[in-house]
Protein backbone atom coordinates (compact mmCIF):
# COMPACT_ATOMS: atom_id res chain seq x y z
CA UNK A 1 0.00 0.00 0.00
CA UNK A 2 2.83 2.35 -0.84
CA UNK A 3 4.08 4.12 -3.93
CA UNK A 4 6.96 1.63 -4.08
CA UNK A 5 6.64 -0.55 -7.18
CA UNK A 6 6.55 -4.32 -6.50
CA UNK A 7 6.87 -6.18 -9.79
CA UNK A 8 6.08 -9.65 -11.07
CA UNK A 9 9.80 -10.48 -10.98
CA UNK A 10 10.05 -9.30 -7.35
CA UNK A 11 7.39 -11.83 -6.37
CA UNK A 12 7.69 -14.81 -8.68
CA UNK A 13 11.45 -15.34 -8.95
CA UNK A 14 12.51 -15.22 -5.29
CA UNK A 15 9.28 -16.43 -3.64
CA UNK A 16 7.20 -18.70 -5.89
CA UNK A 17 9.66 -20.32 -8.28
CA UNK A 18 11.68 -22.05 -5.50
CA UNK A 19 8.54 -23.69 -4.08
CA UNK A 20 6.72 -24.33 -7.37
CA UNK A 21 7.10 -28.12 -7.08
CA UNK A 22 5.76 -28.09 -3.52
CA UNK A 23 2.64 -26.26 -4.60
CA UNK A 24 1.56 -29.18 -6.78
CA UNK A 25 1.93 -31.73 -3.96
CA UNK A 26 -1.27 -32.65 -2.08
CA UNK A 27 -0.99 -31.85 1.62
CA UNK A 28 -3.25 -33.66 4.07
CA UNK A 29 -6.85 -32.70 3.27
CA UNK A 30 -6.08 -29.32 1.74
CA UNK A 31 -7.40 -29.02 -1.77
CA UNK A 32 -6.48 -25.53 -3.02
CA UNK A 33 -3.59 -23.10 -2.69
CA UNK A 34 -4.33 -19.40 -2.26
CA UNK A 35 -1.78 -16.62 -2.38
CA UNK A 36 -2.13 -14.24 0.57
CA UNK A 37 -1.74 -10.49 0.14
CA UNK A 38 -1.20 -8.54 3.35
CA UNK A 39 -0.62 -4.86 4.03
CA UNK A 40 2.08 -3.34 6.19
CA UNK A 41 0.06 -0.27 7.11
CA UNK A 42 -3.58 0.83 6.76
CA UNK A 43 -4.66 2.07 3.37
CA UNK A 44 -4.95 5.82 2.88
CA UNK A 45 -7.45 7.30 0.43
CA UNK A 46 -4.73 9.70 -0.70
CA UNK A 47 -2.18 6.97 -1.50
CA UNK A 48 -0.83 6.51 -5.00
CA UNK A 49 -3.46 3.95 -6.04
CA UNK A 50 -2.36 3.51 -9.68
CA UNK A 51 0.96 2.05 -8.47
CA UNK A 52 -0.81 -0.17 -5.95
CA UNK A 53 -3.25 -1.43 -8.57
CA UNK A 54 -0.44 -2.32 -11.00
CA UNK A 55 1.30 -4.21 -8.19
CA UNK A 56 -1.93 -6.08 -7.40
CA UNK A 57 -2.36 -6.90 -11.10
CA UNK A 58 1.18 -8.33 -11.16
CA UNK A 59 0.45 -10.32 -8.00
CA UNK A 60 -2.64 -11.80 -9.67
CA UNK A 61 -0.40 -12.90 -12.58
CA UNK A 62 2.02 -14.45 -10.06
CA UNK A 63 -0.91 -16.33 -8.48
CA UNK A 64 -2.05 -17.57 -11.90
CA UNK A 65 1.42 -18.64 -13.02
CA UNK A 66 2.18 -20.20 -9.65
CA UNK A 67 -0.90 -22.42 -9.85
CA UNK A 68 -2.84 -20.72 -7.07
CA UNK A 69 -6.62 -20.78 -7.26
CA UNK A 70 -7.09 -17.34 -5.76
CA UNK A 71 -5.76 -14.42 -3.76
CA UNK A 72 -6.71 -13.79 -0.14
CA UNK A 73 -6.49 -10.10 0.77
CA UNK A 74 -5.94 -9.32 4.45
CA UNK A 75 -6.27 -5.56 4.87
CA UNK A 76 -5.41 -5.52 8.58
CA UNK A 77 -2.00 -3.95 9.22
CA UNK A 78 -0.43 -6.05 11.98
CA UNK A 79 2.89 -4.20 12.10
CA UNK A 80 1.58 -0.68 12.76
CA UNK A 81 -0.72 0.47 15.52
CA UNK A 82 -3.63 2.54 14.39
């Protein structure tokens, strides 16, 4: 939720590619893998939303290419008190 650009390459290469094989393995009774998107601070209406939206679009492509069935968005900022 910042103006810092987070790209497809920032997410897929270092985070998803190394565990790609694990994602296709069935675990216990779990049936689907979801990618979780969390925020590090509460959203501000005056933030630079175009940059955020492009980052979210890239994250959706990472989820698709990584074999995830969806994206879970947790908008609670755990690291900053409000």
